[in-house]
Amino acid sequence: MTSDFHDTTVLLTGASRGLGRAMALSLASQGASLALCATSEGDALSGAAEDCLEAGARAVSTHAFDIADPDACAAAVDAAEEQLGPITALVNNAGLGMRRISETFNTVPTKFWEADARDWADIIATNVNGSFNMARAVVPAMVERGYGKVINISTSDQTMVRRGYSPYGPSKAALEAASRVWAQDLDGTGVTVNVFLPGGAADTDLLPPSPDKKGADGNLLSPEVMATGILWLCGSGSDGVTGGRYIGRFWGDEDAPAPAACSPHVDRPSIM
């Protein structure tokens, strides 16, 4: 990877485990400074910070807050920039999955009217509103500096419309639609917005624990499937690239990854 990460400061939400931790460790290995965010303090967050420092991160700060709270998001961004300097990239990774609705969602689909309204609202508040809150908190300063990157972590097309995956799937469809709009809103500012996803079910806590844990297609990806792509998306190699949708498991050679991993644009969402 050719990008120089010495002056790169990345804020990652949902950074204490799963995809977030894997991406943080990859960025740490290149010497980036990292603001690791989670919903609560604890061994997972502190352990991720320690591991990132050992992996080579230039500096690490930790922040525990609810991304559904816009004031908490703004305060966390201020604290991170006070400790680490200007945030050059935001990775909106934090998300609530269908386990909030049912622990058996992947074997016994929950019909949408059977979902508890509060659980439904919590998923939307985190996956859609939370990503907006974080972007809203970091983007104005990025625009003022004329540089910055927003990377929104999403899911596969099939998951967006899969039976029993509402509201998680639709929440990611909303985030992807918002990403396309944000990229257009930011056109010409030097700030880019892209979508990044594993390309299948990953071995994270979004799936219920099981000795034969696997996704709906029978496969299970390692969280490390995100490790190479996040370097390109947060690094200088992707400067000026915006409005794209990149798939981790399709990532090719590190020196020329984008063409193989980029999902083509469509005028109307193909999932519809």
C-alpha atoms as a PDB file:
ATOM      1  CA  MET A   1       0.000   0.000   0.000  1.00  0.00           C
ATOM      2  CA  THR A   2       1.575   3.242  -1.160  1.00  0.00           C
ATOM      3  CA  SER A   3      -0.417   5.833   0.815  1.00  0.00           C
ATOM      4  CA  ASP A   4       1.391   7.711   3.565  1.00  0.00           C
ATOM      5  CA  PHE A   5      -0.739   7.557   6.717  1.00  0.00           C
ATOM      6  CA  HIS A   6       1.515   9.677   8.933  1.00  0.00           C
ATOM      7  CA  ASP A   7      -0.882  12.648   8.700  1.00  0.00           C
ATOM      8  CA  THR A   8      -4.041  10.548   8.583  1.00  0.00           C
ATOM      9  CA  THR A   9      -6.478  10.622  11.500  1.00  0.00           C
ATOM     10  CA  VAL A  10      -9.420   8.253  11.223  1.00  0.00           C
ATOM     11  CA  LEU A  11     -12.467   8.166  13.475  1.00  0.00           C
ATOM     12  CA  LEU A  12     -14.185   4.775  13.456  1.00  0.00           C
ATOM     13  CA  THR A  13     -17.490   4.004  15.110  1.00  0.00           C
ATOM     14  CA  GLY A  14     -18.200   0.479  16.286  1.00  0.00           C
ATOM     15  CA  ALA A  15     -14.438   0.065  16.590  1.00  0.00           C
ATOM     16  CA  SER A  16     -14.190  -2.264  19.570  1.00  0.00           C
ATOM     17  CA  ARG A  17     -14.980  -5.505  17.729  1.00  0.00           C
ATOM     18  CA  GLY A  18     -15.878  -7.118  14.429  1.00  0.00           C
ATOM     19  CA  LEU A  19     -15.417  -5.191  11.198  1.00  0.00           C
ATOM     20  CA  GLY A  20     -14.534  -1.983  13.035  1.00  0.00           C
ATOM     21  CA  ARG A  21     -11.702  -3.581  14.970  1.00  0.00           C
ATOM     22  CA  ALA A  22     -10.335  -5.263  11.836  1.00  0.00           C
ATOM     23  CA  MET A  23     -10.311  -1.978   9.939  1.00  0.00           C
ATOM     24  CA  ALA A  24      -8.754  -0.143  12.873  1.00  0.00           C
ATOM     25  CA  LEU A  25      -5.916  -2.663  13.141  1.00  0.00           C
ATOM     26  CA  SER A  26      -5.249  -2.414   9.415  1.00  0.00           C
ATOM     27  CA  LEU A  27      -5.033   1.380   9.605  1.00  0.00           C
ATOM     28  CA  ALA A  28      -2.898   1.111  12.737  1.00  0.00           C
ATOM     29  CA  SER A  29      -0.398  -1.070  10.866  1.00  0.00           C
ATOM     30  CA  GLN A  30       0.188   1.855   8.490  1.00  0.00           C
ATOM     31  CA  GLY A  31       0.801   4.350  11.291  1.00  0.00           C
ATOM     32  CA  ALA A  32      -2.505   6.220  11.224  1.00  0.00           C
ATOM     33  CA  SER A  33      -3.867   8.028  14.265  1.00  0.00           C
ATOM     34  CA  LEU A  34      -7.163   6.523  15.376  1.00  0.00           C
ATOM     35  CA  ALA A  35     -10.199   7.697  17.322  1.00  0.00           C
ATOM     36  CA  LEU A  36     -11.926   4.481  18.351  1.00  0.00           C
ATOM     37  CA  CYS A  37     -15.591   4.847  19.258  1.00  0.00           C
ATOM     38  CA  ALA A  38     -18.024   2.453  20.921  1.00  0.00           C
ATOM     39  CA  THR A  39     -21.254   2.667  22.851  1.00  0.00           C
ATOM     40  CA  SER A  40     -19.600   1.968  26.201  1.00  0.00           C
ATOM     41  CA  GLU A  41     -16.279   1.760  27.966  1.00  0.00           C
ATOM     42  CA  GLY A  42     -14.982  -1.716  28.663  1.00  0.00           C
ATOM     43  CA  ASP A  43     -12.399  -4.358  27.924  1.00  0.00           C
ATOM     44  CA  ALA A  44     -13.342  -4.569  24.242  1.00  0.00           C
ATOM     45  CA  LEU A  45     -12.703  -0.878  23.586  1.00  0.00           C
ATOM     46  CA  SER A  46      -9.586  -0.601  25.734  1.00  0.00           C
ATOM     47  CA  GLY A  47      -8.258  -3.850  24.285  1.00  0.00           C
ATOM     48  CA  ALA A  48      -8.776  -2.607  20.738  1.00  0.00           C
ATOM     49  CA  ALA A  49      -6.874   0.571  21.602  1.00  0.00           C
ATOM     50  CA  GLU A  50      -3.973  -1.381  23.074  1.00  0.00           C
ATOM     51  CA  ASP A  51      -3.853  -3.694  20.065  1.00  0.00           C
ATOM     52  CA  CYS A  52      -3.854  -0.746  17.671  1.00  0.00           C
ATOM     53  CA  LEU A  53      -0.943   0.883  19.474  1.00  0.00           C
ATOM     54  CA  GLU A  54       0.974  -2.390  19.359  1.00  0.00           C
ATOM     55  CA  ALA A  55       0.176  -2.689  15.651  1.00  0.00           C
ATOM     56  CA  GLY A  56       1.826   0.669  14.947  1.00  0.00           C
ATOM     57  CA  ALA A  57      -0.792   3.395  15.322  1.00  0.00           C
ATOM     58  CA  ARG A  58       0.795   6.830  15.765  1.00  0.00           C
ATOM     59  CA  ALA A  59      -1.764   7.710  18.448  1.00  0.00           C
ATOM     60  CA  VAL A  60      -5.083   6.336  19.707  1.00  0.00           C
ATOM     61  CA  SER A  61      -7.973   7.903  21.600  1.00  0.00           C
ATOM     62  CA  THR A  62     -11.138   6.168  22.797  1.00  0.00           C
ATOM     63  CA  HIS A  63     -14.646   7.583  23.049  1.00  0.00           C
ATOM     64  CA  ALA A  64     -17.771   5.959  24.474  1.00  0.00           C
ATOM     65  CA  PHE A  65     -21.132   7.464  23.495  1.00  0.00           C
ATOM     66  CA  ASP A  66     -24.420   6.793  21.714  1.00  0.00           C
ATOM     67  CA  ILE A  67     -24.255   7.817  18.052  1.00  0.00           C
ATOM     68  CA  ALA A  68     -28.046   8.233  18.075  1.00  0.00           C
ATOM     69  CA  ASP A  69     -27.437  11.358  20.212  1.00  0.00           C
ATOM     70  CA  PRO A  70     -26.289  14.219  17.937  1.00  0.00           C
ATOM     71  CA  ASP A  71     -24.884  16.259  20.826  1.00  0.00           C
ATOM     72  CA  ALA A  72     -22.817  13.284  21.999  1.00  0.00           C
ATOM     73  CA  CYS A  73     -21.491  12.834  18.465  1.00  0.00           C
ATOM     74  CA  ALA A  74     -20.419  16.462  18.247  1.00  0.00           C
ATOM     75  CA  ALA A  75     -18.732  16.270  21.665  1.00  0.00           C
ATOM     76  CA  ALA A  76     -16.859  13.103  20.700  1.00  0.00           C
ATOM     77  CA  VAL A  77     -15.595  14.669  17.473  1.00  0.00           C
ATOM     78  CA  ASP A  78     -14.404  17.742  19.387  1.00  0.00           C
ATOM     79  CA  ALA A  79     -12.619  15.550  21.925  1.00  0.00           C
ATOM     80  CA  ALA A  80     -10.996  13.419  19.238  1.00  0.00           C
ATOM     81  CA  GLU A  81      -9.713  16.428  17.319  1.00  0.00           C
ATOM     82  CA  GLU A  82      -8.405  18.006  20.520  1.00  0.00           C
ATOM     83  CA  GLN A  83      -6.399  14.862  21.244  1.00  0.00           C
ATOM     84  CA  LEU A  84      -5.355  13.797  17.753  1.00  0.00           C
ATOM     85  CA  GLY A  85      -5.759  16.755  15.423  1.00  0.00           C
ATOM     86  CA  PRO A  86      -8.108  17.199  12.454  1.00  0.00           C
ATOM     87  CA  ILE A  87     -10.067  14.122  11.437  1.00  0.00           C
ATOM     88  CA  THR A  88      -9.254  13.265   7.838  1.00  0.00           C
ATOM     89  CA  ALA A  89     -11.573  10.247   7.524  1.00  0.00           C
ATOM     90  CA  LEU A  90     -14.768   9.074   9.186  1.00  0.00           C
ATOM     91  CA  VAL A  91     -15.719   5.389   9.051  1.00  0.00           C
ATOM     92  CA  ASN A  92     -19.396   4.976   9.922  1.00  0.00           C
ATOM     93  CA  ASN A  93     -19.283   1.337  10.977  1.00  0.00           C
ATOM     94  CA  ALA A  94     -21.434   1.165  14.120  1.00  0.00           C
ATOM     95  CA  GLY A  95     -24.712  -0.594  13.595  1.00  0.00           C
ATOM     96  CA  LEU A  96     -27.467  -2.587  15.236  1.00  0.00           C
ATOM     97  CA  GLY A  97     -28.557  -5.807  13.569  1.00  0.00           C
ATOM     98  CA  MET A  98     -31.544  -8.087  13.635  1.00  0.00           C
ATOM     99  CA  ARG A  99     -30.560  -9.630  16.974  1.00  0.00           C
ATOM    100  CA  ARG A 100     -32.211  -6.551  18.533  1.00  0.00           C
ATOM    101  CA  ILE A 101     -35.463  -7.874  17.044  1.00  0.00           C
ATOM    102  CA  SER A 102     -34.957 -11.621  17.589  1.00  0.00           C
ATOM    103  CA  GLU A 103     -32.124 -13.982  18.517  1.00  0.00           C
ATOM    104  CA  THR A 104     -33.484 -16.476  15.989  1.00  0.00           C
ATOM    105  CA  PHE A 105     -33.992 -14.065  13.084  1.00  0.00           C
ATOM    106  CA  ASN A 106     -31.715 -16.074  10.790  1.00  0.00           C
ATOM    107  CA  THR A 107     -33.647 -19.325  11.300  1.00  0.00           C
ATOM    108  CA  VAL A 108     -37.160 -18.068  12.114  1.00  0.00           C
ATOM    109  CA  PRO A 109     -37.778 -14.836  10.164  1.00  0.00           C
ATOM    110  CA  THR A 110     -39.644 -12.178  12.134  1.00  0.00           C
ATOM    111  CA  LYS A 111     -42.459 -10.549  10.194  1.00  0.00           C
ATOM    112  CA  PHE A 112     -42.212  -6.794  10.295  1.00  0.00           C
ATOM    113  CA  TRP A 113     -45.419  -6.316  12.302  1.00  0.00           C
ATOM    114  CA  GLU A 114     -44.088  -8.707  14.962  1.00  0.00           C
ATOM    115  CA  ALA A 115     -41.109  -6.465  15.711  1.00  0.00           C
ATOM    116  CA  ASP A 116     -41.204  -4.367  18.852  1.00  0.00           C
ATOM    117  CA  ALA A 117     -41.600  -0.740  17.789  1.00  0.00           C
ATOM    118  CA  ARG A 118     -38.883   0.411  20.190  1.00  0.00           C
ATOM    119  CA  ASP A 119     -36.400  -2.119  18.813  1.00  0.00           C
ATOM    120  CA  TRP A 120     -37.268  -1.038  15.267  1.00  0.00           C
ATOM    121  CA  ALA A 121     -36.696   2.604  16.222  1.00  0.00           C
ATOM    122  CA  ASP A 122     -33.366   1.799  17.888  1.00  0.00           C
ATOM    123  CA  ILE A 123     -32.025   0.148  14.725  1.00  0.00           C
ATOM    124  CA  ILE A 124     -33.056   3.082  12.553  1.00  0.00           C
ATOM    125  CA  ALA A 125     -31.709   5.557  15.109  1.00  0.00           C
ATOM    126  CA  THR A 126     -28.290   3.885  15.061  1.00  0.00           C
ATOM    127  CA  ASN A 127     -27.870   2.740  11.467  1.00  0.00           C
ATOM    128  CA  VAL A 128     -29.391   5.738   9.687  1.00  0.00           C
ATOM    129  CA  ASN A 129     -29.573   8.656  12.098  1.00  0.00           C
ATOM    130  CA  GLY A 130     -26.323   7.775  13.841  1.00  0.00           C
ATOM    131  CA  SER A 131     -24.352   7.794  10.599  1.00  0.00           C
ATOM    132  CA  PHE A 132     -25.931  11.139   9.707  1.00  0.00           C
ATOM    133  CA  ASN A 133     -25.104  12.534  13.158  1.00  0.00           C
ATOM    134  CA  MET A 134     -21.453  11.554  12.809  1.00  0.00           C
ATOM    135  CA  ALA A 135     -21.126  12.880   9.271  1.00  0.00           C
ATOM    136  CA  ARG A 136     -22.842  16.101  10.277  1.00  0.00           C
ATOM    137  CA  ALA A 137     -20.343  16.489  13.126  1.00  0.00           C
ATOM    138  CA  VAL A 138     -17.172  16.001  11.048  1.00  0.00           C
ATOM    139  CA  VAL A 139     -18.004  17.308   7.573  1.00  0.00           C
ATOM    140  CA  PRO A 140     -18.155  21.104   8.173  1.00  0.00           C
ATOM    141  CA  ALA A 141     -14.528  21.208   9.324  1.00  0.00           C
ATOM    142  CA  MET A 142     -13.519  18.932   6.445  1.00  0.00           C
ATOM    143  CA  VAL A 143     -15.194  21.304   3.986  1.00  0.00           C
ATOM    144  CA  GLU A 144     -13.427  24.258   5.585  1.00  0.00           C
ATOM    145  CA  ARG A 145     -10.077  22.471   5.185  1.00  0.00           C
ATOM    146  CA  GLY A 146     -10.940  21.344   1.668  1.00  0.00           C
ATOM    147  CA  TYR A 147     -10.233  17.678   2.378  1.00  0.00           C
ATOM    148  CA  GLY A 148     -11.859  14.684   4.029  1.00  0.00           C
ATOM    149  CA  LYS A 149     -13.381  11.259   3.507  1.00  0.00           C
ATOM    150  CA  VAL A 150     -16.595   9.670   4.742  1.00  0.00           C
ATOM    151  CA  ILE A 151     -16.870   5.889   4.424  1.00  0.00           C
ATOM    152  CA  ASN A 152     -20.257   4.355   5.230  1.00  0.00           C
ATOM    153  CA  ILE A 153     -20.272   0.622   5.992  1.00  0.00           C
ATOM    154  CA  SER A 154     -23.167  -1.198   4.388  1.00  0.00           C
ATOM    155  CA  THR A 155     -24.457  -4.669   3.566  1.00  0.00           C
ATOM    156  CA  SER A 156     -25.194  -6.764   0.487  1.00  0.00           C
ATOM    157  CA  ASP A 157     -28.059  -5.990  -1.882  1.00  0.00           C
ATOM    158  CA  GLN A 158     -29.729  -9.291  -1.000  1.00  0.00           C
ATOM    159  CA  THR A 159     -29.729  -8.482   2.698  1.00  0.00           C
ATOM    160  CA  MET A 160     -31.462  -5.161   2.077  1.00  0.00           C
ATOM    161  CA  VAL A 161     -34.561  -6.947   0.807  1.00  0.00           C
ATOM    162  CA  ARG A 162     -34.252 -10.391   2.422  1.00  0.00           C
ATOM    163  CA  ARG A 163     -37.320 -11.755   4.169  1.00  0.00           C
ATOM    164  CA  GLY A 164     -37.117 -11.307   7.921  1.00  0.00           C
ATOM    165  CA  TYR A 165     -34.320  -8.700   7.756  1.00  0.00           C
ATOM    166  CA  SER A 166     -36.452  -5.622   8.307  1.00  0.00           C
ATOM    167  CA  PRO A 167     -35.518  -3.036   9.510  1.00  0.00           C
ATOM    168  CA  TYR A 168     -31.779  -3.861   9.325  1.00  0.00           C
ATOM    169  CA  GLY A 169     -31.723  -4.375   5.554  1.00  0.00           C
ATOM    170  CA  PRO A 170     -33.817  -1.295   4.734  1.00  0.00           C
ATOM    171  CA  SER A 171     -31.707   0.801   7.129  1.00  0.00           C
ATOM    172  CA  LYS A 172     -28.627   0.024   5.040  1.00  0.00           C
ATOM    173  CA  ALA A 173     -30.516   0.767   1.832  1.00  0.00           C
ATOM    174  CA  ALA A 174     -31.340   4.169   3.321  1.00  0.00           C
ATOM    175  CA  LEU A 175     -27.704   4.732   4.253  1.00  0.00           C
ATOM    176  CA  GLU A 176     -26.562   3.909   0.732  1.00  0.00           C
ATOM    177  CA  ALA A 177     -29.109   6.266  -0.790  1.00  0.00           C
ATOM    178  CA  ALA A 178     -27.985   8.972   1.630  1.00  0.00           C
ATOM    179  CA  SER A 179     -24.360   8.321   0.676  1.00  0.00           C
ATOM    180  CA  ARG A 180     -25.108   9.024  -2.978  1.00  0.00           C
ATOM    181  CA  VAL A 181     -26.866  12.262  -2.015  1.00  0.00           C
ATOM    182  CA  TRP A 182     -24.062  13.338   0.346  1.00  0.00           C
ATOM    183  CA  ALA A 183     -21.464  12.731  -2.360  1.00  0.00           C
ATOM    184  CA  GLN A 184     -23.372  15.091  -4.662  1.00  0.00           C
ATOM    185  CA  ASP A 185     -23.873  17.675  -1.911  1.00  0.00           C
ATOM    186  CA  LEU A 186     -20.108  17.673  -1.305  1.00  0.00           C
ATOM    187  CA  ASP A 187     -19.074  17.756  -4.956  1.00  0.00           C
ATOM    188  CA  GLY A 188     -16.235  20.205  -5.465  1.00  0.00           C
ATOM    189  CA  THR A 189     -15.432  20.615  -1.763  1.00  0.00           C
ATOM    190  CA  GLY A 190     -12.570  18.096  -1.574  1.00  0.00           C
ATOM    191  CA  VAL A 191     -14.654  15.873   0.724  1.00  0.00           C
ATOM    192  CA  THR A 192     -15.676  12.474  -0.622  1.00  0.00           C
ATOM    193  CA  VAL A 193     -18.304   9.909   0.396  1.00  0.00           C
ATOM    194  CA  ASN A 194     -18.085   6.214  -0.446  1.00  0.00           C
ATOM    195  CA  VAL A 195     -19.799   2.996   0.633  1.00  0.00           C
ATOM    196  CA  PHE A 196     -17.871  -0.097   1.737  1.00  0.00           C
ATOM    197  CA  LEU A 197     -19.238  -3.547   2.562  1.00  0.00           C
ATOM    198  CA  PRO A 198     -17.891  -7.069   3.133  1.00  0.00           C
ATOM    199  CA  GLY A 199     -19.845  -8.706   0.299  1.00  0.00           C
ATOM    200  CA  GLY A 200     -21.501 -11.366   2.419  1.00  0.00           C
ATOM    201  CA  ALA A 201     -22.156 -12.299   6.029  1.00  0.00           C
ATOM    202  CA  ALA A 202     -19.120 -11.715   8.224  1.00  0.00           C
ATOM    203  CA  ASP A 203     -18.142 -13.391  11.460  1.00  0.00           C
ATOM    204  CA  THR A 204     -19.320 -10.652  13.821  1.00  0.00           C
ATOM    205  CA  ASP A 205     -21.767 -10.235  16.690  1.00  0.00           C
ATOM    206  CA  LEU A 206     -24.509  -9.265  14.242  1.00  0.00           C
ATOM    207  CA  LEU A 207     -25.090 -13.005  13.867  1.00  0.00           C
ATOM    208  CA  PRO A 208     -26.250 -15.084  16.856  1.00  0.00           C
ATOM    209  CA  PRO A 209     -23.527 -17.267  18.399  1.00  0.00           C
ATOM    210  CA  SER A 210     -23.599 -20.803  17.050  1.00  0.00           C
ATOM    211  CA  PRO A 211     -21.119 -23.663  16.514  1.00  0.00           C
ATOM    212  CA  ASP A 212     -22.063 -23.563  12.817  1.00  0.00           C
ATOM    213  CA  LYS A 213     -22.464 -19.796  12.451  1.00  0.00           C
ATOM    214  CA  LYS A 214     -22.962 -18.838   8.806  1.00  0.00           C
ATOM    215  CA  GLY A 215     -24.797 -16.387   6.623  1.00  0.00           C
ATOM    216  CA  ALA A 216     -27.944 -16.900   4.594  1.00  0.00           C
ATOM    217  CA  ASP A 217     -25.845 -18.102   1.642  1.00  0.00           C
ATOM    218  CA  GLY A 218     -24.087 -20.692   3.801  1.00  0.00           C
ATOM    219  CA  ASN A 219     -20.811 -18.792   3.876  1.00  0.00           C
ATOM    220  CA  LEU A 220     -19.080 -16.673   6.495  1.00  0.00           C
ATOM    221  CA  LEU A 221     -16.411 -14.075   5.773  1.00  0.00           C
ATOM    222  CA  SER A 222     -13.629 -13.084   8.125  1.00  0.00           C
ATOM    223  CA  PRO A 223     -13.761  -9.464   9.343  1.00  0.00           C
ATOM    224  CA  GLU A 224     -10.285  -9.109   7.809  1.00  0.00           C
ATOM    225  CA  VAL A 225     -11.998  -8.984   4.408  1.00  0.00           C
ATOM    226  CA  MET A 226     -12.238  -5.225   5.086  1.00  0.00           C
ATOM    227  CA  ALA A 227      -8.546  -4.732   5.893  1.00  0.00           C
ATOM    228  CA  THR A 228      -7.145  -3.932   2.455  1.00  0.00           C
ATOM    229  CA  GLY A 229      -9.979  -1.811   1.099  1.00  0.00           C
ATOM    230  CA  ILE A 230     -10.147   0.495   4.090  1.00  0.00           C
ATOM    231  CA  LEU A 231      -6.527   1.504   3.517  1.00  0.00           C
ATOM    232  CA  TRP A 232      -7.296   2.634  -0.016  1.00  0.00           C
ATOM    233  CA  LEU A 233     -10.535   4.360   0.995  1.00  0.00           C
ATOM    234  CA  CYS A 234      -8.894   6.281   3.861  1.00  0.00           C
ATOM    235  CA  GLY A 235      -5.608   6.898   2.056  1.00  0.00           C
ATOM    236  CA  SER A 236      -4.463   9.317  -0.612  1.00  0.00           C
ATOM    237  CA  GLY A 237      -4.977   6.745  -3.372  1.00  0.00           C
ATOM    238  CA  SER A 238      -8.718   7.436  -3.315  1.00  0.00           C
ATOM    239  CA  ASP A 239      -8.442  11.237  -3.281  1.00  0.00           C
ATOM    240  CA  GLY A 240     -11.172  12.689  -5.463  1.00  0.00           C
ATOM    241  CA  VAL A 241     -13.047   9.385  -5.764  1.00  0.00           C
ATOM    242  CA  THR A 242     -16.609   9.795  -4.543  1.00  0.00           C
ATOM    243  CA  GLY A 243     -20.060   8.234  -4.776  1.00  0.00           C
ATOM    244  CA  GLY A 244     -18.651   4.704  -5.119  1.00  0.00           C
ATOM    245  CA  ARG A 245     -19.678   1.391  -3.602  1.00  0.00           C
ATOM    246  CA  TYR A 246     -16.815  -0.992  -2.818  1.00  0.00           C
ATOM    247  CA  ILE A 247     -16.981  -4.656  -1.842  1.00  0.00           C
ATOM    248  CA  GLY A 248     -14.307  -6.063   0.466  1.00  0.00           C
ATOM    249  CA  ARG A 249     -14.268  -9.646  -0.774  1.00  0.00           C
ATOM    250  CA  PHE A 250     -13.714  -8.504  -4.358  1.00  0.00           C
ATOM    251  CA  TRP A 251     -10.662  -6.448  -3.481  1.00  0.00           C
ATOM    252  CA  GLY A 252      -7.829  -7.242  -5.842  1.00  0.00           C
ATOM    253  CA  ASP A 253      -4.184  -6.340  -6.004  1.00  0.00           C
ATOM    254  CA  GLU A 254      -3.223  -3.695  -3.446  1.00  0.00           C
ATOM    255  CA  ASP A 255      -1.697  -1.435  -6.113  1.00  0.00           C
ATOM    256  CA  ALA A 256      -4.862  -1.327  -8.243  1.00  0.00           C
ATOM    257  CA  PRO A 257      -7.799  -2.423  -6.098  1.00  0.00           C
ATOM    258  CA  ALA A 258     -10.651  -0.155  -7.061  1.00  0.00           C
ATOM    259  CA  PRO A 259     -11.869  -1.474 -10.442  1.00  0.00           C
ATOM    260  CA  ALA A 260     -12.371  -5.026  -9.204  1.00  0.00           C
ATOM    261  CA  ALA A 261     -14.090  -3.993  -6.001  1.00  0.00           C
ATOM    262  CA  CYS A 262     -16.345  -1.222  -7.279  1.00  0.00           C
ATOM    263  CA  SER A 263     -20.016  -1.955  -7.759  1.00  0.00           C
ATOM    264  CA  PRO A 264     -21.419  -0.187 -10.865  1.00  0.00           C
ATOM    265  CA  HIS A 265     -23.784   2.755 -10.493  1.00  0.00           C
ATOM    266  CA  VAL A 266     -27.389   2.401 -11.594  1.00  0.00           C
ATOM    267  CA  ASP A 267     -29.908   5.169 -12.211  1.00  0.00           C
ATOM    268  CA  ARG A 268     -32.552   3.307 -10.212  1.00  0.00           C
ATOM    269  CA  PRO A 269     -31.614   0.963  -7.351  1.00  0.00           C
ATOM    270  CA  SER A 270     -31.280  -2.514  -8.822  1.00  0.00           C
ATOM    271  CA  ILE A 271     -32.699  -4.028  -5.614  1.00  0.00           C
ATOM    272  CA  MET A 272     -36.060  -2.446  -6.448  1.00  0.00           C
END
